[in-house]
Amino acid sequence: MSLSHGKRTRLWRLLYGSGPRNGSLLVLPLDQGLEHGPTDFFPHPPALDPSYQFRLAEAGGFSAIALGIGLAEKYMADHCGRVPLILKLNGKTNIPSDADATSPLFASVEDAVRLGADAVGYTMYVGSPRQHDEFRQFEKVRQDCERYGMPLVLWSYPRGAAIDAKGGKGSLYAQDYAARVALELGADIVKLHEPDAERASAPKPYNTLDEDAATRSSRVVRSAGRTMVLFSGGEKDDDDDAVLRKVEFYMEQGATGVMFGRNMWLRPFDQAVALTRAVHDIMARYPR
């Protein structure tokens, strides 16, 4: 990868200075309170306090915690230097329809530098009727990241009526396109979801593919090229073994790592730490 010294330094801290420390990434996201509302915390009330996730990120040895500026400014102080930060720069609530999805900026790359972040996060709604606005907004963020030597993590999320008509946001077509968009737009890391089996409504040639889960996932990793891929953990799975199987599956398909939020912080603290340490053991077998 052709990177500035600033990006190289910050990526080294994420890949080798924290977390599994072998070139893989284990990221704990806490943007759900904005994106989904407080309902996500109902199954485990202690997780409503952001201090819970910060303590988990430190005790579990995550590569970074990813969250917005309000949480970073109000809760980061006790963990500075011990929990790497990915500052999310934009977001939205889930109150409006996703048919016209857009994610406005509410923080800047300068804020990330001020807060000591090692990367910034940006959500892009690929295929939304508003994607032309998103592309222009992203251009400024990307330029600022180059100016300040800040790695850029893209939450590349297919959304909108056009995506729904072509197989849906979880389809191989949508996730494969989202992976390529991240590469084309200049992201250093992309967060994706595991693609579902292809549907007849997908464009050619996707509508004729009959690939298993491993082939689909490895395909989107290849489409991301030299942009590193993190797969999402999705909603909480009560079976620890199922979570671990999912992590191993993603690493086998060539992912750089995972971004697991609710699958971690909706568990009792000691159980969440133990599960995180088990993820470390798996990632130790997949140096990048």
C-alpha atoms as a PDB file:
ATOM      1  CA  MET A   1       0.000   0.000   0.000  1.00  0.00           C
ATOM      2  CA  SER A   2       1.248   3.471  -0.893  1.00  0.00           C
ATOM      3  CA  LEU A   3       0.698   5.426   2.311  1.00  0.00           C
ATOM      4  CA  SER A   4       1.995   8.580   3.983  1.00  0.00           C
ATOM      5  CA  HIS A   5       4.115   8.280   7.106  1.00  0.00           C
ATOM      6  CA  GLY A   6       1.203   9.411   9.256  1.00  0.00           C
ATOM      7  CA  LYS A   7      -1.107   6.730   7.892  1.00  0.00           C
ATOM      8  CA  ARG A   8       1.587   4.085   8.218  1.00  0.00           C
ATOM      9  CA  THR A   9       2.230   5.037  11.840  1.00  0.00           C
ATOM     10  CA  ARG A  10      -1.433   4.994  12.834  1.00  0.00           C
ATOM     11  CA  LEU A  11      -2.193   1.781  10.951  1.00  0.00           C
ATOM     12  CA  TRP A  12       0.813   0.110  12.586  1.00  0.00           C
ATOM     13  CA  ARG A  13      -0.607   1.020  16.013  1.00  0.00           C
ATOM     14  CA  LEU A  14      -3.956  -0.531  15.074  1.00  0.00           C
ATOM     15  CA  LEU A  15      -2.557  -3.633  13.371  1.00  0.00           C
ATOM     16  CA  TYR A  16       0.492  -4.401  15.514  1.00  0.00           C
ATOM     17  CA  GLY A  17       0.404  -2.177  18.598  1.00  0.00           C
ATOM     18  CA  SER A  18      -2.988  -3.234  19.966  1.00  0.00           C
ATOM     19  CA  GLY A  19      -5.564  -5.993  19.598  1.00  0.00           C
ATOM     20  CA  PRO A  20      -4.224  -9.325  18.289  1.00  0.00           C
ATOM     21  CA  ARG A  21      -1.014  -7.488  17.247  1.00  0.00           C
ATOM     22  CA  ASN A  22      -0.392  -9.663  14.191  1.00  0.00           C
ATOM     23  CA  GLY A  23      -1.775  -7.542  11.364  1.00  0.00           C
ATOM     24  CA  SER A  24      -5.401  -8.459  12.007  1.00  0.00           C
ATOM     25  CA  LEU A  25      -8.041  -6.146  13.459  1.00  0.00           C
ATOM     26  CA  LEU A  26     -10.676  -6.602  16.159  1.00  0.00           C
ATOM     27  CA  VAL A  27     -12.835  -3.465  16.400  1.00  0.00           C
ATOM     28  CA  LEU A  28     -15.581  -2.730  18.942  1.00  0.00           C
ATOM     29  CA  PRO A  29     -18.187  -0.345  17.443  1.00  0.00           C
ATOM     30  CA  LEU A  30     -20.481   1.795  19.557  1.00  0.00           C
ATOM     31  CA  ASP A  31     -22.482   3.782  17.014  1.00  0.00           C
ATOM     32  CA  GLN A  32     -25.697   1.835  17.567  1.00  0.00           C
ATOM     33  CA  GLY A  33     -27.155   4.361  20.003  1.00  0.00           C
ATOM     34  CA  LEU A  34     -27.290   6.888  17.170  1.00  0.00           C
ATOM     35  CA  GLU A  35     -28.024   4.510  14.300  1.00  0.00           C
ATOM     36  CA  HIS A  36     -30.617   2.323  16.060  1.00  0.00           C
ATOM     37  CA  GLY A  37     -31.633   4.240  19.197  1.00  0.00           C
ATOM     38  CA  PRO A  38     -31.583   3.177  22.870  1.00  0.00           C
ATOM     39  CA  THR A  39     -33.594   0.018  22.139  1.00  0.00           C
ATOM     40  CA  ASP A  40     -30.370  -1.850  21.324  1.00  0.00           C
ATOM     41  CA  PHE A  41     -29.357  -1.638  24.978  1.00  0.00           C
ATOM     42  CA  PHE A  42     -32.598  -3.000  26.445  1.00  0.00           C
ATOM     43  CA  PRO A  43     -31.432  -6.663  26.465  1.00  0.00           C
ATOM     44  CA  HIS A  44     -28.431  -5.731  28.652  1.00  0.00           C
ATOM     45  CA  PRO A  45     -29.038  -2.454  30.552  1.00  0.00           C
ATOM     46  CA  PRO A  46     -25.434  -2.041  31.842  1.00  0.00           C
ATOM     47  CA  ALA A  47     -24.341  -1.537  28.218  1.00  0.00           C
ATOM     48  CA  LEU A  48     -26.328   1.703  28.053  1.00  0.00           C
ATOM     49  CA  ASP A  49     -23.437   3.390  29.901  1.00  0.00           C
ATOM     50  CA  PRO A  50     -20.629   3.910  27.338  1.00  0.00           C
ATOM     51  CA  SER A  51     -18.100   3.315  30.102  1.00  0.00           C
ATOM     52  CA  TYR A  52     -19.064  -0.355  29.802  1.00  0.00           C
ATOM     53  CA  GLN A  53     -17.789  -0.578  26.225  1.00  0.00           C
ATOM     54  CA  PHE A  54     -14.635   1.396  26.998  1.00  0.00           C
ATOM     55  CA  ARG A  55     -13.807  -0.961  29.860  1.00  0.00           C
ATOM     56  CA  LEU A  56     -14.518  -3.941  27.615  1.00  0.00           C
ATOM     57  CA  ALA A  57     -12.312  -2.565  24.834  1.00  0.00           C
ATOM     58  CA  GLU A  58      -9.421  -2.209  27.274  1.00  0.00           C
ATOM     59  CA  ALA A  59      -9.890  -5.435  29.236  1.00  0.00           C
ATOM     60  CA  GLY A  60     -10.571  -7.501  26.112  1.00  0.00           C
ATOM     61  CA  GLY A  61      -7.695  -6.085  24.124  1.00  0.00           C
ATOM     62  CA  PHE A  62      -9.521  -4.683  21.135  1.00  0.00           C
ATOM     63  CA  SER A  63      -7.603  -3.071  18.297  1.00  0.00           C
ATOM     64  CA  ALA A  64      -9.848   0.004  18.605  1.00  0.00           C
ATOM     65  CA  ILE A  65     -13.221   1.304  19.686  1.00  0.00           C
ATOM     66  CA  ALA A  66     -15.289   3.077  17.013  1.00  0.00           C
ATOM     67  CA  LEU A  67     -17.767   5.775  18.018  1.00  0.00           C
ATOM     68  CA  GLY A  68     -18.940   9.341  17.500  1.00  0.00           C
ATOM     69  CA  ILE A  69     -17.545  12.590  18.805  1.00  0.00           C
ATOM     70  CA  GLY A  70     -19.902  13.030  21.742  1.00  0.00           C
ATOM     71  CA  LEU A  71     -18.963   9.690  23.271  1.00  0.00           C
ATOM     72  CA  ALA A  72     -15.278  10.222  22.529  1.00  0.00           C
ATOM     73  CA  GLU A  73     -15.190  13.636  24.192  1.00  0.00           C
ATOM     74  CA  LYS A  74     -17.178  12.571  27.256  1.00  0.00           C
ATOM     75  CA  TYR A  75     -15.814   9.075  27.952  1.00  0.00           C
ATOM     76  CA  MET A  76     -12.362   8.749  26.374  1.00  0.00           C
ATOM     77  CA  ALA A  77     -10.379  10.586  29.045  1.00  0.00           C
ATOM     78  CA  ASP A  78      -9.955   7.588  31.366  1.00  0.00           C
ATOM     79  CA  HIS A  79      -8.704   5.393  28.514  1.00  0.00           C
ATOM     80  CA  CYS A  80      -6.454   7.688  26.483  1.00  0.00           C
ATOM     81  CA  GLY A  81      -3.406   5.815  25.210  1.00  0.00           C
ATOM     82  CA  ARG A  82      -4.865   2.463  26.244  1.00  0.00           C
ATOM     83  CA  VAL A  83      -7.836   2.157  23.864  1.00  0.00           C
ATOM     84  CA  PRO A  84      -7.173   3.231  20.256  1.00  0.00           C
ATOM     85  CA  LEU A  85      -9.947   5.352  18.778  1.00  0.00           C
ATOM     86  CA  ILE A  86     -11.681   5.276  15.393  1.00  0.00           C
ATOM     87  CA  LEU A  87     -13.738   8.465  15.329  1.00  0.00           C
ATOM     88  CA  LYS A  88     -16.972   8.165  13.338  1.00  0.00           C
ATOM     89  CA  LEU A  89     -17.489  11.407  11.409  1.00  0.00           C
ATOM     90  CA  ASN A  90     -21.051  10.943  10.165  1.00  0.00           C
ATOM     91  CA  GLY A  91     -24.227   9.048  10.910  1.00  0.00           C
ATOM     92  CA  LYS A  92     -28.013   9.145  11.019  1.00  0.00           C
ATOM     93  CA  THR A  93     -30.967   7.880  13.029  1.00  0.00           C
ATOM     94  CA  ASN A  94     -33.148   5.034  11.788  1.00  0.00           C
ATOM     95  CA  ILE A  95     -36.309   7.132  12.083  1.00  0.00           C
ATOM     96  CA  PRO A  96     -36.532   8.183   8.403  1.00  0.00           C
ATOM     97  CA  SER A  97     -36.902   5.600   5.653  1.00  0.00           C
ATOM     98  CA  ASP A  98     -33.741   4.132   4.124  1.00  0.00           C
ATOM     99  CA  ALA A  99     -35.237   4.709   0.669  1.00  0.00           C
ATOM    100  CA  ASP A 100     -33.478   8.094   0.507  1.00  0.00           C
ATOM    101  CA  ALA A 101     -30.654   7.350   2.943  1.00  0.00           C
ATOM    102  CA  THR A 102     -27.895   9.858   3.587  1.00  0.00           C
ATOM    103  CA  SER A 103     -25.409  10.257   6.435  1.00  0.00           C
ATOM    104  CA  PRO A 104     -24.396  13.858   7.178  1.00  0.00           C
ATOM    105  CA  LEU A 105     -21.118  14.850   8.775  1.00  0.00           C
ATOM    106  CA  PHE A 106     -21.111  15.886  12.431  1.00  0.00           C
ATOM    107  CA  ALA A 107     -17.351  15.764  13.091  1.00  0.00           C
ATOM    108  CA  SER A 108     -14.126  16.386  11.197  1.00  0.00           C
ATOM    109  CA  VAL A 109     -10.707  14.854  10.630  1.00  0.00           C
ATOM    110  CA  GLU A 110      -9.315  17.749  12.686  1.00  0.00           C
ATOM    111  CA  ASP A 111     -11.492  16.558  15.588  1.00  0.00           C
ATOM    112  CA  ALA A 112      -9.955  13.101  15.189  1.00  0.00           C
ATOM    113  CA  VAL A 113      -6.437  14.543  15.362  1.00  0.00           C
ATOM    114  CA  ARG A 114      -7.363  16.600  18.439  1.00  0.00           C
ATOM    115  CA  LEU A 115      -8.767  13.516  20.174  1.00  0.00           C
ATOM    116  CA  GLY A 116      -5.739  11.353  19.372  1.00  0.00           C
ATOM    117  CA  ALA A 117      -7.614   9.001  17.048  1.00  0.00           C
ATOM    118  CA  ASP A 118      -5.768   6.402  14.987  1.00  0.00           C
ATOM    119  CA  ALA A 119      -8.392   6.405  12.192  1.00  0.00           C
ATOM    120  CA  VAL A 120     -11.682   7.960  11.167  1.00  0.00           C
ATOM    121  CA  GLY A 121     -14.858   6.189  10.122  1.00  0.00           C
ATOM    122  CA  TYR A 122     -17.279   7.273   7.422  1.00  0.00           C
ATOM    123  CA  THR A 123     -20.616   5.692   6.446  1.00  0.00           C
ATOM    124  CA  MET A 124     -21.418   5.618   2.722  1.00  0.00           C
ATOM    125  CA  TYR A 125     -24.866   4.517   1.505  1.00  0.00           C
ATOM    126  CA  VAL A 126     -23.983   2.904  -1.803  1.00  0.00           C
ATOM    127  CA  GLY A 127     -26.832   3.071  -4.320  1.00  0.00           C
ATOM    128  CA  SER A 128     -28.934   5.578  -2.396  1.00  0.00           C
ATOM    129  CA  PRO A 129     -30.606   8.330  -4.440  1.00  0.00           C
ATOM    130  CA  ARG A 130     -28.450  10.683  -2.348  1.00  0.00           C
ATOM    131  CA  GLN A 131     -25.129   9.016  -3.180  1.00  0.00           C
ATOM    132  CA  HIS A 132     -24.051  11.985  -5.318  1.00  0.00           C
ATOM    133  CA  ASP A 133     -24.153  14.128  -2.164  1.00  0.00           C
ATOM    134  CA  GLU A 134     -22.346  11.402  -0.231  1.00  0.00           C
ATOM    135  CA  PHE A 135     -19.566  11.183  -2.817  1.00  0.00           C
ATOM    136  CA  ARG A 136     -18.917  14.930  -2.664  1.00  0.00           C
ATOM    137  CA  GLN A 137     -18.949  14.923   1.134  1.00  0.00           C
ATOM    138  CA  PHE A 138     -16.581  11.942   1.154  1.00  0.00           C
ATOM    139  CA  GLU A 139     -14.164  13.739  -1.166  1.00  0.00           C
ATOM    140  CA  LYS A 140     -13.479  16.405   1.468  1.00  0.00           C
ATOM    141  CA  VAL A 141     -13.023  13.772   4.199  1.00  0.00           C
ATOM    142  CA  ARG A 142     -10.603  11.777   2.044  1.00  0.00           C
ATOM    143  CA  GLN A 143      -8.567  14.891   1.239  1.00  0.00           C
ATOM    144  CA  ASP A 144      -8.380  15.816   4.923  1.00  0.00           C
ATOM    145  CA  CYS A 145      -7.260  12.275   5.766  1.00  0.00           C
ATOM    146  CA  GLU A 146      -4.416  12.597   3.278  1.00  0.00           C
ATOM    147  CA  ARG A 147      -3.484  16.030   4.663  1.00  0.00           C
ATOM    148  CA  TYR A 148      -3.368  14.809   8.268  1.00  0.00           C
ATOM    149  CA  GLY A 149      -2.082  11.265   7.672  1.00  0.00           C
ATOM    150  CA  MET A 150      -5.278   9.710   9.056  1.00  0.00           C
ATOM    151  CA  PRO A 151      -6.426   6.209   7.968  1.00  0.00           C
ATOM    152  CA  LEU A 152      -9.964   6.110   6.576  1.00  0.00           C
ATOM    153  CA  VAL A 153     -12.405   3.305   7.427  1.00  0.00           C
ATOM    154  CA  LEU A 154     -15.487   3.154   5.200  1.00  0.00           C
ATOM    155  CA  TRP A 155     -18.747   1.643   6.435  1.00  0.00           C
ATOM    156  CA  SER A 156     -19.860   0.723   2.889  1.00  0.00           C
ATOM    157  CA  TYR A 157     -23.595   0.072   3.198  1.00  0.00           C
ATOM    158  CA  PRO A 158     -25.871  -0.580   0.193  1.00  0.00           C
ATOM    159  CA  ARG A 159     -29.214   1.196   0.677  1.00  0.00           C
ATOM    160  CA  GLY A 160     -32.181   2.540  -1.245  1.00  0.00           C
ATOM    161  CA  ALA A 161     -34.989   1.467  -3.543  1.00  0.00           C
ATOM    162  CA  ALA A 162     -32.631   0.674  -6.429  1.00  0.00           C
ATOM    163  CA  ILE A 163     -30.663  -1.727  -4.218  1.00  0.00           C
ATOM    164  CA  ASP A 164     -33.893  -3.346  -2.999  1.00  0.00           C
ATOM    165  CA  ALA A 165     -34.978  -3.893  -6.608  1.00  0.00           C
ATOM    166  CA  LYS A 166     -31.673  -5.594  -7.479  1.00  0.00           C
ATOM    167  CA  GLY A 167     -31.578  -8.252  -4.792  1.00  0.00           C
ATOM    168  CA  GLY A 168     -31.411  -6.265  -1.569  1.00  0.00           C
ATOM    169  CA  LYS A 169     -28.709  -4.814   0.644  1.00  0.00           C
ATOM    170  CA  GLY A 170     -27.428  -8.195   1.828  1.00  0.00           C
ATOM    171  CA  SER A 171     -27.075  -9.734  -1.616  1.00  0.00           C
ATOM    172  CA  LEU A 172     -23.755 -10.703  -3.144  1.00  0.00           C
ATOM    173  CA  TYR A 173     -24.316  -8.111  -5.874  1.00  0.00           C
ATOM    174  CA  ALA A 174     -24.789  -5.320  -3.315  1.00  0.00           C
ATOM    175  CA  GLN A 175     -21.943  -6.322  -0.990  1.00  0.00           C
ATOM    176  CA  ASP A 176     -19.548  -6.993  -3.878  1.00  0.00           C
ATOM    177  CA  TYR A 177     -20.345  -3.573  -5.348  1.00  0.00           C
ATOM    178  CA  ALA A 178     -19.914  -1.954  -1.923  1.00  0.00           C
ATOM    179  CA  ALA A 179     -16.469  -3.549  -1.599  1.00  0.00           C
ATOM    180  CA  ARG A 180     -15.374  -2.226  -4.978  1.00  0.00           C
ATOM    181  CA  VAL A 181     -16.755   1.256  -4.236  1.00  0.00           C
ATOM    182  CA  ALA A 182     -14.566   1.411  -1.120  1.00  0.00           C
ATOM    183  CA  LEU A 183     -11.491   0.599  -3.186  1.00  0.00           C
ATOM    184  CA  GLU A 184     -12.399   3.036  -5.959  1.00  0.00           C
ATOM    185  CA  LEU A 185     -13.111   5.924  -3.554  1.00  0.00           C
ATOM    186  CA  GLY A 186      -9.849   5.543  -1.638  1.00  0.00           C
ATOM    187  CA  ALA A 187     -10.757   3.883   1.675  1.00  0.00           C
ATOM    188  CA  ASP A 188      -7.952   2.182   3.593  1.00  0.00           C
ATOM    189  CA  ILE A 189     -10.305  -0.244   5.379  1.00  0.00           C
ATOM    190  CA  VAL A 190     -13.888  -1.202   4.551  1.00  0.00           C
ATOM    191  CA  LYS A 191     -16.583  -2.658   6.782  1.00  0.00           C
ATOM    192  CA  LEU A 192     -18.909  -5.062   4.966  1.00  0.00           C
ATOM    193  CA  HIS A 193     -21.583  -7.624   5.793  1.00  0.00           C
ATOM    194  CA  GLU A 194     -21.353 -11.261   4.828  1.00  0.00           C
ATOM    195  CA  PRO A 195     -23.199 -11.596   1.500  1.00  0.00           C
ATOM    196  CA  ASP A 196     -26.333 -13.701   1.249  1.00  0.00           C
ATOM    197  CA  ALA A 197     -27.061 -16.212  -1.487  1.00  0.00           C
ATOM    198  CA  GLU A 198     -27.765 -14.420  -4.752  1.00  0.00           C
ATOM    199  CA  ARG A 199     -31.310 -13.742  -5.884  1.00  0.00           C
ATOM    200  CA  ALA A 200     -32.972 -13.933  -9.273  1.00  0.00           C
ATOM    201  CA  SER A 201     -33.659 -10.181  -9.148  1.00  0.00           C
ATOM    202  CA  ALA A 202     -29.925  -9.366  -9.066  1.00  0.00           C
ATOM    203  CA  PRO A 203     -28.292  -8.016 -12.247  1.00  0.00           C
ATOM    204  CA  LYS A 204     -26.415 -10.333 -14.599  1.00  0.00           C
ATOM    205  CA  PRO A 205     -24.251 -12.308 -14.064  1.00  0.00           C
ATOM    206  CA  TYR A 206     -24.971 -12.365 -10.328  1.00  0.00           C
ATOM    207  CA  ASN A 207     -28.464 -13.756 -10.885  1.00  0.00           C
ATOM    208  CA  THR A 208     -26.949 -16.925 -12.355  1.00  0.00           C
ATOM    209  CA  LEU A 209     -24.298 -17.533  -9.688  1.00  0.00           C
ATOM    210  CA  ASP A 210     -24.712 -20.458  -7.331  1.00  0.00           C
ATOM    211  CA  GLU A 211     -21.846 -19.982  -4.884  1.00  0.00           C
ATOM    212  CA  ASP A 212     -21.452 -21.210  -1.327  1.00  0.00           C
ATOM    213  CA  ALA A 213     -20.914 -18.839   1.594  1.00  0.00           C
ATOM    214  CA  ALA A 214     -17.120 -19.158   1.509  1.00  0.00           C
ATOM    215  CA  THR A 215     -16.905 -18.368  -2.194  1.00  0.00           C
ATOM    216  CA  ARG A 216     -19.224 -15.368  -1.818  1.00  0.00           C
ATOM    217  CA  SER A 217     -17.262 -13.911   1.079  1.00  0.00           C
ATOM    218  CA  SER A 218     -13.876 -14.429  -0.544  1.00  0.00           C
ATOM    219  CA  ARG A 219     -15.249 -12.798  -3.708  1.00  0.00           C
ATOM    220  CA  VAL A 220     -16.047  -9.530  -1.902  1.00  0.00           C
ATOM    221  CA  VAL A 221     -12.614  -9.570  -0.220  1.00  0.00           C
ATOM    222  CA  ARG A 222     -11.029  -9.813  -3.674  1.00  0.00           C
ATOM    223  CA  SER A 223     -13.233  -6.995  -4.985  1.00  0.00           C
ATOM    224  CA  ALA A 224     -11.920  -4.755  -2.201  1.00  0.00           C
ATOM    225  CA  GLY A 225      -8.393  -5.222  -3.578  1.00  0.00           C
ATOM    226  CA  ARG A 226      -5.814  -3.474  -1.402  1.00  0.00           C
ATOM    227  CA  THR A 227      -8.499  -2.048   0.860  1.00  0.00           C
ATOM    228  CA  MET A 228      -8.538  -4.152   4.030  1.00  0.00           C
ATOM    229  CA  VAL A 229     -11.871  -5.840   4.829  1.00  0.00           C
ATOM    230  CA  LEU A 230     -13.624  -6.056   8.191  1.00  0.00           C
ATOM    231  CA  PHE A 231     -16.773  -8.169   8.354  1.00  0.00           C
ATOM    232  CA  SER A 232     -19.616  -7.147  10.629  1.00  0.00           C
ATOM    233  CA  GLY A 233     -20.808  -9.324  13.483  1.00  0.00           C
ATOM    234  CA  GLY A 234     -24.434  -8.289  13.019  1.00  0.00           C
ATOM    235  CA  GLU A 235     -26.950  -8.832  15.791  1.00  0.00           C
ATOM    236  CA  LYS A 236     -26.124 -10.701  18.995  1.00  0.00           C
ATOM    237  CA  ASP A 237     -25.776 -14.460  18.771  1.00  0.00           C
ATOM    238  CA  ASP A 238     -26.309 -16.099  22.163  1.00  0.00           C
ATOM    239  CA  ASP A 239     -24.073 -19.030  21.243  1.00  0.00           C
ATOM    240  CA  ASP A 240     -20.416 -18.181  21.905  1.00  0.00           C
ATOM    241  CA  ASP A 241     -19.292 -21.045  19.700  1.00  0.00           C
ATOM    242  CA  ALA A 242     -21.331 -19.667  16.792  1.00  0.00           C
ATOM    243  CA  VAL A 243     -19.606 -16.296  17.186  1.00  0.00           C
ATOM    244  CA  LEU A 244     -16.198 -17.939  17.153  1.00  0.00           C
ATOM    245  CA  ARG A 245     -17.070 -20.026  14.099  1.00  0.00           C
ATOM    246  CA  LYS A 246     -18.096 -16.823  12.343  1.00  0.00           C
ATOM    247  CA  VAL A 247     -14.771 -15.153  13.166  1.00  0.00           C
ATOM    248  CA  GLU A 248     -12.783 -18.146  11.911  1.00  0.00           C
ATOM    249  CA  PHE A 249     -14.888 -18.263   8.736  1.00  0.00           C
ATOM    250  CA  TYR A 250     -14.212 -14.599   7.928  1.00  0.00           C
ATOM    251  CA  MET A 251     -10.491 -14.926   8.565  1.00  0.00           C
ATOM    252  CA  GLU A 252     -10.342 -18.034   6.357  1.00  0.00           C
ATOM    253  CA  GLN A 253     -11.838 -16.032   3.491  1.00  0.00           C
ATOM    254  CA  GLY A 254      -9.080 -13.403   3.643  1.00  0.00           C
ATOM    255  CA  ALA A 255     -10.590 -10.685   5.834  1.00  0.00           C
ATOM    256  CA  THR A 256      -8.239  -8.494   7.856  1.00  0.00           C
ATOM    257  CA  GLY A 257     -10.559  -8.794  10.830  1.00  0.00           C
ATOM    258  CA  VAL A 258     -14.002  -8.233  12.286  1.00  0.00           C
ATOM    259  CA  MET A 259     -16.059  -5.420  13.745  1.00  0.00           C
ATOM    260  CA  PHE A 260     -18.254  -7.003  16.418  1.00  0.00           C
ATOM    261  CA  GLY A 261     -20.368  -4.763  18.640  1.00  0.00           C
ATOM    262  CA  ARG A 262     -23.606  -6.186  20.019  1.00  0.00           C
ATOM    263  CA  ASN A 263     -22.176  -9.706  19.815  1.00  0.00           C
ATOM    264  CA  MET A 264     -19.723  -8.550  22.468  1.00  0.00           C
ATOM    265  CA  TRP A 265     -21.209  -5.788  24.611  1.00  0.00           C
ATOM    266  CA  LEU A 266     -24.676  -7.318  25.048  1.00  0.00           C
ATOM    267  CA  ARG A 267     -23.047 -10.016  27.196  1.00  0.00           C
ATOM    268  CA  PRO A 268     -22.139  -9.938  30.898  1.00  0.00           C
ATOM    269  CA  PHE A 269     -18.766  -8.271  31.232  1.00  0.00           C
ATOM    270  CA  ASP A 270     -16.684 -11.298  32.233  1.00  0.00           C
ATOM    271  CA  GLN A 271     -18.280 -13.428  29.515  1.00  0.00           C
ATOM    272  CA  ALA A 272     -17.621 -10.712  26.916  1.00  0.00           C
ATOM    273  CA  VAL A 273     -13.950 -10.478  27.927  1.00  0.00           C
ATOM    274  CA  ALA A 274     -13.568 -14.258  27.772  1.00  0.00           C
ATOM    275  CA  LEU A 275     -15.204 -14.360  24.332  1.00  0.00           C
ATOM    276  CA  THR A 276     -12.919 -11.589  23.099  1.00  0.00           C
ATOM    277  CA  ARG A 277      -9.859 -13.481  24.299  1.00  0.00           C
ATOM    278  CA  ALA A 278     -11.096 -16.563  22.427  1.00  0.00           C
ATOM    279  CA  VAL A 279     -11.327 -14.404  19.286  1.00  0.00           C
ATOM    280  CA  HIS A 280      -7.692 -13.423  19.871  1.00  0.00           C
ATOM    281  CA  ASP A 281      -6.741 -17.100  19.885  1.00  0.00           C
ATOM    282  CA  ILE A 282      -8.403 -17.581  16.497  1.00  0.00           C
ATOM    283  CA  MET A 283      -6.826 -14.486  14.971  1.00  0.00           C
ATOM    284  CA  ALA A 284      -3.399 -15.608  16.172  1.00  0.00           C
ATOM    285  CA  ARG A 285      -3.633 -18.326  13.525  1.00  0.00           C
ATOM    286  CA  TYR A 286      -4.194 -15.807  10.734  1.00  0.00           C
ATOM    287  CA  PRO A 287      -1.332 -13.261  10.697  1.00  0.00           C
ATOM    288  CA  ARG A 288      -1.727 -10.680   7.957  1.00  0.00           C
END
